Amino acid sequence: MTTRRIELVYFEGCPHAVKARENIKSALEAAGQEAHWSEWDLEAESTPDRYRQHGSPTVLIDGHDVTGDGHVAIAMACRADGAPSAQLIAERLG
């Protein structure tokens, strides 16, 4: 089994960030994988610029947005579509 790099891009004020974490954990459990991922807080100075193009929350697998959304955020904002579902994340892990 190949290990996939899973990352959550978020900021604390976004109400969808908690649900995104729950969905990542559920997807990994369903796939029989260890619940491990990296998180990038858009408000942290240490977050690399490449993550700042995403809205909150964005789930990346191997650097790709699980929703397939190629739009670049021009300001820090919550995504209008909310958190990606556990099912979608699990499908992308497949």
PDB file of N, CA and C in Angstrom:
ATOM      1  N   MET A   1       0.842  -1.178   0.000  1.00  0.00           N
ATOM      2  CA  MET A   1       0.000   0.000   0.000  1.00  0.00           C
ATOM      3  C   MET A   1       0.893   1.249   0.000  1.00  0.00           C
ATOM      4  N   THR A   2       0.589   2.176  -0.866  1.00  0.00           N
ATOM      5  CA  THR A   2       1.340   3.416  -0.959  1.00  0.00           C
ATOM      6  C   THR A   2       0.835   4.419   0.068  1.00  0.00           C
ATOM      7  N   THR A   3       1.771   5.049   0.765  1.00  0.00           N
ATOM      8  CA  THR A   3       1.387   6.073   1.728  1.00  0.00           C
ATOM      9  C   THR A   3       1.108   7.365   0.986  1.00  0.00           C
ATOM     10  N   ARG A   4      -0.034   7.935   1.232  1.00  0.00           N
ATOM     11  CA  ARG A   4      -0.424   9.187   0.596  1.00  0.00           C
ATOM     12  C   ARG A   4      -0.193  10.331   1.573  1.00  0.00           C
ATOM     13  N   ARG A   5       0.213  11.468   1.048  1.00  0.00           N
ATOM     14  CA  ARG A   5       0.409  12.664   1.878  1.00  0.00           C
ATOM     15  C   ARG A   5      -0.932  13.395   1.967  1.00  0.00           C
ATOM     16  N   ILE A   6      -1.467  13.488   3.168  1.00  0.00           N
ATOM     17  CA  ILE A   6      -2.759  14.127   3.396  1.00  0.00           C
ATOM     18  C   ILE A   6      -2.516  15.385   4.210  1.00  0.00           C
ATOM     19  N   GLU A   7      -3.117  16.489   3.754  1.00  0.00           N
ATOM     20  CA  GLU A   7      -2.932  17.779   4.413  1.00  0.00           C
ATOM     21  C   GLU A   7      -4.268  18.499   4.520  1.00  0.00           C
ATOM     22  N   LEU A   8      -4.434  19.185   5.637  1.00  0.00           N
ATOM     23  CA  LEU A   8      -5.611  20.019   5.855  1.00  0.00           C
ATOM     24  C   LEU A   8      -5.156  21.470   5.916  1.00  0.00           C
ATOM     25  N   VAL A   9      -5.749  22.301   5.068  1.00  0.00           N
ATOM     26  CA  VAL A   9      -5.488  23.737   5.070  1.00  0.00           C
ATOM     27  C   VAL A   9      -6.724  24.391   5.682  1.00  0.00           C
ATOM     28  N   TYR A  10      -6.523  25.234   6.683  1.00  0.00           N
ATOM     29  CA  TYR A  10      -7.658  25.780   7.430  1.00  0.00           C
ATOM     30  C   TYR A  10      -7.238  27.056   8.159  1.00  0.00           C
ATOM     31  N   PHE A  11      -8.210  27.691   8.782  1.00  0.00           N
ATOM     32  CA  PHE A  11      -7.916  28.679   9.816  1.00  0.00           C
ATOM     33  C   PHE A  11      -8.957  28.503  10.915  1.00  0.00           C
ATOM     34  N   GLU A  12      -8.588  28.817  12.136  1.00  0.00           N
ATOM     35  CA  GLU A  12      -9.414  28.529  13.309  1.00  0.00           C
ATOM     36  C   GLU A  12     -10.794  29.174  13.286  1.00  0.00           C
ATOM     37  N   GLY A  13     -10.963  30.300  12.654  1.00  0.00           N
ATOM     38  CA  GLY A  13     -12.263  30.957  12.628  1.00  0.00           C
ATOM     39  C   GLY A  13     -13.257  30.328  11.676  1.00  0.00           C
ATOM     40  N   CYS A  14     -12.822  29.387  10.883  1.00  0.00           N
ATOM     41  CA  CYS A  14     -13.707  28.746   9.905  1.00  0.00           C
ATOM     42  C   CYS A  14     -14.484  27.611  10.573  1.00  0.00           C
ATOM     43  N   PRO A  15     -15.809  27.684  10.556  1.00  0.00           N
ATOM     44  CA  PRO A  15     -16.605  26.659  11.234  1.00  0.00           C
ATOM     45  C   PRO A  15     -16.542  25.283  10.571  1.00  0.00           C
ATOM     46  N   HIS A  16     -16.050  25.181   9.343  1.00  0.00           N
ATOM     47  CA  HIS A  16     -15.999  23.900   8.640  1.00  0.00           C
ATOM     48  C   HIS A  16     -14.723  23.103   8.939  1.00  0.00           C
ATOM     49  N   ALA A  17     -13.750  23.724   9.605  1.00  0.00           N
ATOM     50  CA  ALA A  17     -12.466  23.058   9.855  1.00  0.00           C
ATOM     51  C   ALA A  17     -12.634  21.825  10.744  1.00  0.00           C
ATOM     52  N   VAL A  18     -13.457  21.912  11.763  1.00  0.00           N
ATOM     53  CA  VAL A  18     -13.671  20.771  12.670  1.00  0.00           C
ATOM     54  C   VAL A  18     -14.265  19.590  11.901  1.00  0.00           C
ATOM     55  N   LYS A  19     -15.254  19.864  11.066  1.00  0.00           N
ATOM     56  CA  LYS A  19     -15.890  18.794  10.273  1.00  0.00           C
ATOM     57  C   LYS A  19     -14.890  18.181   9.299  1.00  0.00           C
ATOM     58  N   ALA A  20     -14.022  18.986   8.726  1.00  0.00           N
ATOM     59  CA  ALA A  20     -13.008  18.458   7.811  1.00  0.00           C
ATOM     60  C   ALA A  20     -12.095  17.474   8.538  1.00  0.00           C
ATOM     61  N   ARG A  21     -11.671  17.821   9.754  1.00  0.00           N
ATOM     62  CA  ARG A  21     -10.837  16.894  10.546  1.00  0.00           C
ATOM     63  C   ARG A  21     -11.579  15.583  10.804  1.00  0.00           C
ATOM     64  N   GLU A  22     -12.831  15.685  11.194  1.00  0.00           N
ATOM     65  CA  GLU A  22     -13.641  14.486  11.453  1.00  0.00           C
ATOM     66  C   GLU A  22     -13.748  13.628  10.192  1.00  0.00           C
ATOM     67  N   ASN A  23     -13.950  14.274   9.046  1.00  0.00           N
ATOM     68  CA  ASN A  23     -14.106  13.543   7.788  1.00  0.00           C
ATOM     69  C   ASN A  23     -12.803  12.893   7.341  1.00  0.00           C
ATOM     70  N   ILE A  24     -11.682  13.559   7.560  1.00  0.00           N
ATOM     71  CA  ILE A  24     -10.388  12.947   7.236  1.00  0.00           C
ATOM     72  C   ILE A  24     -10.198  11.694   8.088  1.00  0.00           C
ATOM     73  N   LYS A  25     -10.439  11.808   9.381  1.00  0.00           N
ATOM     74  CA  LYS A  25     -10.274  10.676  10.286  1.00  0.00           C
ATOM     75  C   LYS A  25     -11.186   9.521   9.877  1.00  0.00           C
ATOM     76  N   SER A  26     -12.444   9.808   9.580  1.00  0.00           N
ATOM     77  CA  SER A  26     -13.389   8.768   9.167  1.00  0.00           C
ATOM     78  C   SER A  26     -12.952   8.094   7.871  1.00  0.00           C
ATOM     79  N   ALA A  27     -12.484   8.879   6.927  1.00  0.00           N
ATOM     80  CA  ALA A  27     -12.046   8.327   5.638  1.00  0.00           C
ATOM     81  C   ALA A  27     -10.836   7.415   5.819  1.00  0.00           C
ATOM     82  N   LEU A  28      -9.893   7.838   6.646  1.00  0.00           N
ATOM     83  CA  LEU A  28      -8.706   7.017   6.886  1.00  0.00           C
ATOM     84  C   LEU A  28      -9.072   5.730   7.615  1.00  0.00           C
ATOM     85  N   GLU A  29      -9.960   5.814   8.585  1.00  0.00           N
ATOM     86  CA  GLU A  29     -10.410   4.613   9.297  1.00  0.00           C
ATOM     87  C   GLU A  29     -11.106   3.653   8.342  1.00  0.00           C
ATOM     88  N   ALA A  30     -11.960   4.176   7.466  1.00  0.00           N
ATOM     89  CA  ALA A  30     -12.671   3.347   6.501  1.00  0.00           C
ATOM     90  C   ALA A  30     -11.705   2.657   5.535  1.00  0.00           C
ATOM     91  N   ALA A  31     -10.601   3.334   5.244  1.00  0.00           N
ATOM     92  CA  ALA A  31      -9.586   2.780   4.336  1.00  0.00           C
ATOM     93  C   ALA A  31      -8.598   1.875   5.072  1.00  0.00           C
ATOM     94  N   GLY A  32      -8.772   1.748   6.393  1.00  0.00           N
ATOM     95  CA  GLY A  32      -7.872   0.915   7.178  1.00  0.00           C
ATOM     96  C   GLY A  32      -6.486   1.506   7.326  1.00  0.00           C
ATOM     97  N   GLN A  33      -6.410   2.832   7.280  1.00  0.00           N
ATOM     98  CA  GLN A  33      -5.126   3.515   7.388  1.00  0.00           C
ATOM     99  C   GLN A  33      -5.025   4.252   8.713  1.00  0.00           C
ATOM    100  N   GLU A  34      -3.791   4.475   9.123  1.00  0.00           N
ATOM    101  CA  GLU A  34      -3.538   5.224  10.345  1.00  0.00           C
ATOM    102  C   GLU A  34      -4.053   6.655  10.190  1.00  0.00           C
ATOM    103  N   ALA A  35      -4.683   7.164  11.236  1.00  0.00           N
ATOM    104  CA  ALA A  35      -5.222   8.527  11.209  1.00  0.00           C
ATOM    105  C   ALA A  35      -4.085   9.523  11.426  1.00  0.00           C
ATOM    106  N   HIS A  36      -3.395   9.845  10.347  1.00  0.00           N
ATOM    107  CA  HIS A  36      -2.266  10.779  10.416  1.00  0.00           C
ATOM    108  C   HIS A  36      -2.306  11.699   9.201  1.00  0.00           C
ATOM    109  N   TRP A  37      -2.232  12.999   9.460  1.00  0.00           N
ATOM    110  CA  TRP A  37      -2.179  13.988   8.393  1.00  0.00           C
ATOM    111  C   TRP A  37      -1.502  15.235   8.934  1.00  0.00           C
ATOM    112  N   SER A  38      -1.108  16.116   8.014  1.00  0.00           N
ATOM    113  CA  SER A  38      -0.497  17.401   8.378  1.00  0.00           C
ATOM    114  C   SER A  38      -1.554  18.487   8.292  1.00  0.00           C
ATOM    115  N   GLU A  39      -1.365  19.526   9.094  1.00  0.00           N
ATOM    116  CA  GLU A  39      -2.291  20.665   9.059  1.00  0.00           C
ATOM    117  C   GLU A  39      -1.515  21.952   8.850  1.00  0.00           C
ATOM    118  N   TRP A  40      -2.117  22.840   8.064  1.00  0.00           N
ATOM    119  CA  TRP A  40      -1.533  24.147   7.767  1.00  0.00           C
ATOM    120  C   TRP A  40      -2.538  25.222   8.120  1.00  0.00           C
ATOM    121  N   ASP A  41      -2.226  25.990   9.156  1.00  0.00           N
ATOM    122  CA  ASP A  41      -3.081  27.081   9.620  1.00  0.00           C
ATOM    123  C   ASP A  41      -2.763  28.325   8.789  1.00  0.00           C
ATOM    124  N   LEU A  42      -3.742  28.804   8.064  1.00  0.00           N
ATOM    125  CA  LEU A  42      -3.538  29.970   7.202  1.00  0.00           C
ATOM    126  C   LEU A  42      -3.156  31.226   7.972  1.00  0.00           C
ATOM    127  N   GLU A  43      -3.416  31.240   9.273  1.00  0.00           N
ATOM    128  CA  GLU A  43      -3.062  32.404  10.089  1.00  0.00           C
ATOM    129  C   GLU A  43      -1.640  32.328  10.646  1.00  0.00           C
ATOM    130  N   ALA A  44      -1.000  31.177  10.520  1.00  0.00           N
ATOM    131  CA  ALA A  44       0.353  31.006  11.058  1.00  0.00           C
ATOM    132  C   ALA A  44       1.395  31.530  10.065  1.00  0.00           C
ATOM    133  N   GLU A  45       2.319  32.310  10.567  1.00  0.00           N
ATOM    134  CA  GLU A  45       3.381  32.847   9.703  1.00  0.00           C
ATOM    135  C   GLU A  45       4.240  31.747   9.105  1.00  0.00           C
ATOM    136  N   SER A  46       4.336  30.619   9.790  1.00  0.00           N
ATOM    137  CA  SER A  46       5.184  29.520   9.326  1.00  0.00           C
ATOM    138  C   SER A  46       4.571  28.713   8.180  1.00  0.00           C
ATOM    139  N   THR A  47       3.301  28.938   7.857  1.00  0.00           N
ATOM    140  CA  THR A  47       2.655  28.211   6.766  1.00  0.00           C
ATOM    141  C   THR A  47       3.220  28.676   5.428  1.00  0.00           C
ATOM    142  N   PRO A  48       3.733  27.741   4.628  1.00  0.00           N
ATOM    143  CA  PRO A  48       4.301  28.115   3.323  1.00  0.00           C
ATOM    144  C   PRO A  48       3.270  28.780   2.407  1.00  0.00           C
ATOM    145  N   ASP A  49       3.758  29.662   1.563  1.00  0.00           N
ATOM    146  CA  ASP A  49       2.873  30.408   0.650  1.00  0.00           C
ATOM    147  C   ASP A  49       2.034  29.509  -0.251  1.00  0.00           C
ATOM    148  N   ARG A  50       2.546  28.352  -0.645  1.00  0.00           N
ATOM    149  CA  ARG A  50       1.803  27.483  -1.577  1.00  0.00           C
ATOM    150  C   ARG A  50       0.454  27.038  -1.012  1.00  0.00           C
ATOM    151  N   TYR A  51       0.292  27.078   0.312  1.00  0.00           N
ATOM    152  CA  TYR A  51      -0.978  26.688   0.920  1.00  0.00           C
ATOM    153  C   TYR A  51      -1.947  27.854   1.014  1.00  0.00           C
ATOM    154  N   ARG A  52      -1.468  29.042   0.866  1.00  0.00           N
ATOM    155  CA  ARG A  52      -2.299  30.246   1.030  1.00  0.00           C
ATOM    156  C   ARG A  52      -3.252  30.482  -0.141  1.00  0.00           C
ATOM    157  N   GLN A  53      -3.129  29.711  -1.182  1.00  0.00           N
ATOM    158  CA  GLN A  53      -4.035  29.839  -2.328  1.00  0.00           C
ATOM    159  C   GLN A  53      -5.349  29.089  -2.109  1.00  0.00           C
ATOM    160  N   HIS A  54      -5.451  28.370  -1.000  1.00  0.00           N
ATOM    161  CA  HIS A  54      -6.630  27.554  -0.726  1.00  0.00           C
ATOM    162  C   HIS A  54      -7.534  28.197   0.315  1.00  0.00           C
ATOM    163  N   GLY A  55      -8.826  27.971   0.155  1.00  0.00           N
ATOM    164  CA  GLY A  55      -9.779  28.396   1.173  1.00  0.00           C
ATOM    165  C   GLY A  55      -9.808  27.379   2.303  1.00  0.00           C
ATOM    166  N   SER A  56     -10.544  27.702   3.363  1.00  0.00           N
ATOM    167  CA  SER A  56     -10.626  26.826   4.532  1.00  0.00           C
ATOM    168  C   SER A  56     -12.005  26.190   4.604  1.00  0.00           C
ATOM    169  N   PRO A  57     -12.091  24.898   4.780  1.00  0.00           N
ATOM    170  CA  PRO A  57     -10.999  23.936   4.811  1.00  0.00           C
ATOM    171  C   PRO A  57     -10.771  23.337   3.427  1.00  0.00           C
ATOM    172  N   THR A  58      -9.524  23.040   3.143  1.00  0.00           N
ATOM    173  CA  THR A  58      -9.164  22.316   1.935  1.00  0.00           C
ATOM    174  C   THR A  58      -8.423  21.069   2.363  1.00  0.00           C
ATOM    175  N   VAL A  59      -8.808  19.934   1.810  1.00  0.00           N
ATOM    176  CA  VAL A  59      -8.105  18.676   2.055  1.00  0.00           C
ATOM    177  C   VAL A  59      -7.306  18.362   0.788  1.00  0.00           C
ATOM    178  N   LEU A  60      -6.009  18.205   0.976  1.00  0.00           N
ATOM    179  CA  LEU A  60      -5.112  17.884  -0.131  1.00  0.00           C
ATOM    180  C   LEU A  60      -4.608  16.453   0.026  1.00  0.00           C
ATOM    181  N   ILE A  61      -4.599  15.727  -1.056  1.00  0.00           N
ATOM    182  CA  ILE A  61      -3.963  14.412  -1.082  1.00  0.00           C
ATOM    183  C   ILE A  61      -2.883  14.482  -2.146  1.00  0.00           C
ATOM    184  N   ASP A  62      -1.655  14.267  -1.703  1.00  0.00           N
ATOM    185  CA  ASP A  62      -0.487  14.401  -2.576  1.00  0.00           C
ATOM    186  C   ASP A  62      -0.489  15.737  -3.315  1.00  0.00           C
ATOM    187  N   GLY A  63      -0.905  16.799  -2.596  1.00  0.00           N
ATOM    188  CA  GLY A  63      -0.872  18.149  -3.133  1.00  0.00           C
ATOM    189  C   GLY A  63      -2.064  18.562  -3.973  1.00  0.00           C
ATOM    190  N   HIS A  64      -3.045  17.665  -4.127  1.00  0.00           N
ATOM    191  CA  HIS A  64      -4.217  17.953  -4.963  1.00  0.00           C
ATOM    192  C   HIS A  64      -5.475  18.066  -4.109  1.00  0.00           C
ATOM    193  N   ASP A  65      -6.263  19.098  -4.356  1.00  0.00           N
ATOM    194  CA  ASP A  65      -7.528  19.326  -3.663  1.00  0.00           C
ATOM    195  C   ASP A  65      -8.470  18.166  -3.981  1.00  0.00           C
ATOM    196  N   VAL A  66      -9.004  17.508  -2.957  1.00  0.00           N
ATOM    197  CA  VAL A  66      -9.877  16.351  -3.180  1.00  0.00           C
ATOM    198  C   VAL A  66     -11.140  16.709  -3.947  1.00  0.00           C
ATOM    199  N   THR A  67     -11.543  17.971  -3.904  1.00  0.00           N
ATOM    200  CA  THR A  67     -12.758  18.379  -4.620  1.00  0.00           C
ATOM    201  C   THR A  67     -12.492  18.639  -6.095  1.00  0.00           C
ATOM    202  N   GLY A  68     -11.214  18.694  -6.472  1.00  0.00           N
ATOM    203  CA  GLY A  68     -10.867  18.995  -7.852  1.00  0.00           C
ATOM    204  C   GLY A  68     -10.969  20.468  -8.172  1.00  0.00           C
ATOM    205  N   ASP A  69     -11.236  21.270  -7.155  1.00  0.00           N
ATOM    206  CA  ASP A  69     -11.377  22.713  -7.337  1.00  0.00           C
ATOM    207  C   ASP A  69     -10.019  23.322  -7.653  1.00  0.00           C
ATOM    208  N   GLY A  70      -9.910  23.937  -8.808  1.00  0.00           N
ATOM    209  CA  GLY A  70      -8.659  24.551  -9.199  1.00  0.00           C
ATOM    210  C   GLY A  70      -8.623  26.042  -8.941  1.00  0.00           C
ATOM    211  N   HIS A  71      -9.663  26.562  -8.292  1.00  0.00           N
ATOM    212  CA  HIS A  71      -9.718  28.002  -8.052  1.00  0.00           C
ATOM    213  C   HIS A  71      -8.716  28.426  -6.999  1.00  0.00           C
ATOM    214  N   VAL A  72      -8.130  29.561  -7.211  1.00  0.00           N
ATOM    215  CA  VAL A  72      -7.166  30.114  -6.276  1.00  0.00           C
ATOM    216  C   VAL A  72      -7.859  31.184  -5.434  1.00  0.00           C
ATOM    217  N   ALA A  73      -7.711  31.069  -4.122  1.00  0.00           N
ATOM    218  CA  ALA A  73      -8.312  32.061  -3.225  1.00  0.00           C
ATOM    219  C   ALA A  73      -7.500  33.349  -3.286  1.00  0.00           C
ATOM    220  N   ILE A  74      -8.185  34.470  -3.325  1.00  0.00           N
ATOM    221  CA  ILE A  74      -7.484  35.753  -3.348  1.00  0.00           C
ATOM    222  C   ILE A  74      -7.438  36.383  -1.961  1.00  0.00           C
ATOM    223  N   ALA A  75      -8.171  35.792  -1.015  1.00  0.00           N
ATOM    224  CA  ALA A  75      -8.173  36.261   0.370  1.00  0.00           C
ATOM    225  C   ALA A  75      -8.499  35.081   1.262  1.00  0.00           C
ATOM    226  N   MET A  76      -8.110  35.158   2.524  1.00  0.00           N
ATOM    227  CA  MET A  76      -8.419  34.086   3.459  1.00  0.00           C
ATOM    228  C   MET A  76      -9.929  34.055   3.680  1.00  0.00           C
ATOM    229  N   ALA A  77     -10.524  32.897   3.384  1.00  0.00           N
ATOM    230  CA  ALA A  77     -11.971  32.782   3.494  1.00  0.00           C
ATOM    231  C   ALA A  77     -12.366  31.328   3.702  1.00  0.00           C
ATOM    232  N   CYS A  78     -13.556  31.140   4.270  1.00  0.00           N
ATOM    233  CA  CYS A  78     -14.132  29.806   4.371  1.00  0.00           C
ATOM    234  C   CYS A  78     -14.682  29.418   3.004  1.00  0.00           C
ATOM    235  N   ARG A  79     -14.547  28.174   2.680  1.00  0.00           N
ATOM    236  CA  ARG A  79     -15.093  27.684   1.413  1.00  0.00           C
ATOM    237  C   ARG A  79     -16.608  27.634   1.501  1.00  0.00           C
ATOM    238  N   ALA A  80     -17.263  28.100   0.480  1.00  0.00           N
ATOM    239  CA  ALA A  80     -18.723  28.103   0.449  1.00  0.00           C
ATOM    240  C   ALA A  80     -19.285  26.689   0.406  1.00  0.00           C
ATOM    241  N   ASP A  81     -18.506  25.740  -0.128  1.00  0.00           N
ATOM    242  CA  ASP A  81     -18.980  24.359  -0.221  1.00  0.00           C
ATOM    243  C   ASP A  81     -18.728  23.553   1.048  1.00  0.00           C
ATOM    244  N   GLY A  82     -18.167  24.170   2.083  1.00  0.00           N
ATOM    245  CA  GLY A  82     -17.941  23.502   3.364  1.00  0.00           C
ATOM    246  C   GLY A  82     -16.823  22.483   3.308  1.00  0.00           C
ATOM    247  N   ALA A  83     -16.865  21.531   4.228  1.00  0.00           N
ATOM    248  CA  ALA A  83     -15.842  20.491   4.320  1.00  0.00           C
ATOM    249  C   ALA A  83     -16.125  19.380   3.315  1.00  0.00           C
ATOM    250  N   PRO A  84     -15.077  18.853   2.677  1.00  0.00           N
ATOM    251  CA  PRO A  84     -15.296  17.697   1.800  1.00  0.00           C
ATOM    252  C   PRO A  84     -15.792  16.507   2.633  1.00  0.00           C
ATOM    253  N   SER A  85     -16.655  15.717   2.060  1.00  0.00           N
ATOM    254  CA  SER A  85     -17.221  14.588   2.787  1.00  0.00           C
ATOM    255  C   SER A  85     -16.186  13.487   3.007  1.00  0.00           C
ATOM    256  N   ALA A  86     -16.444  12.676   4.020  1.00  0.00           N
ATOM    257  CA  ALA A  86     -15.568  11.528   4.295  1.00  0.00           C
ATOM    258  C   ALA A  86     -15.561  10.588   3.097  1.00  0.00           C
ATOM    259  N   GLN A  87     -16.712  10.436   2.452  1.00  0.00           N
ATOM    260  CA  GLN A  87     -16.813   9.544   1.279  1.00  0.00           C
ATOM    261  C   GLN A  87     -15.916  10.047   0.147  1.00  0.00           C
ATOM    262  N   LEU A  88     -15.946  11.345  -0.124  1.00  0.00           N
ATOM    263  CA  LEU A  88     -15.111  11.906  -1.187  1.00  0.00           C
ATOM    264  C   LEU A  88     -13.631  11.732  -0.864  1.00  0.00           C
ATOM    265  N   ILE A  89     -13.259  11.995   0.363  1.00  0.00           N
ATOM    266  CA  ILE A  89     -11.860  11.842   0.775  1.00  0.00           C
ATOM    267  C   ILE A  89     -11.440  10.381   0.612  1.00  0.00           C
ATOM    268  N   ALA A  90     -12.284   9.447   1.050  1.00  0.00           N
ATOM    269  CA  ALA A  90     -11.974   8.017   0.924  1.00  0.00           C
ATOM    270  C   ALA A  90     -11.824   7.615  -0.532  1.00  0.00           C
ATOM    271  N   GLU A  91     -12.684   8.142  -1.406  1.00  0.00           N
ATOM    272  CA  GLU A  91     -12.583   7.841  -2.842  1.00  0.00           C
ATOM    273  C   GLU A  91     -11.255   8.303  -3.401  1.00  0.00           C
ATOM    274  N   ARG A  92     -10.815   9.487  -2.987  1.00  0.00           N
ATOM    275  CA  ARG A  92      -9.544  10.042  -3.483  1.00  0.00           C
ATOM    276  C   ARG A  92      -8.339   9.282  -2.928  1.00  0.00           C
ATOM    277  N   LEU A  93      -8.511   8.683  -1.744  1.00  0.00           N
ATOM    278  CA  LEU A  93      -7.443   7.867  -1.174  1.00  0.00           C
ATOM    279  C   LEU A  93      -7.263   6.562  -1.951  1.00  0.00           C
ATOM    280  N   GLY A  94      -8.385   6.100  -2.546  1.00  0.00           N
ATOM    281  CA  GLY A  94      -8.467   4.810  -3.238  1.00  0.00           C
ATOM    282  C   GLY A  94      -7.361   4.532  -4.137  1.00  0.00           C
TER     283      GLY A  94
END
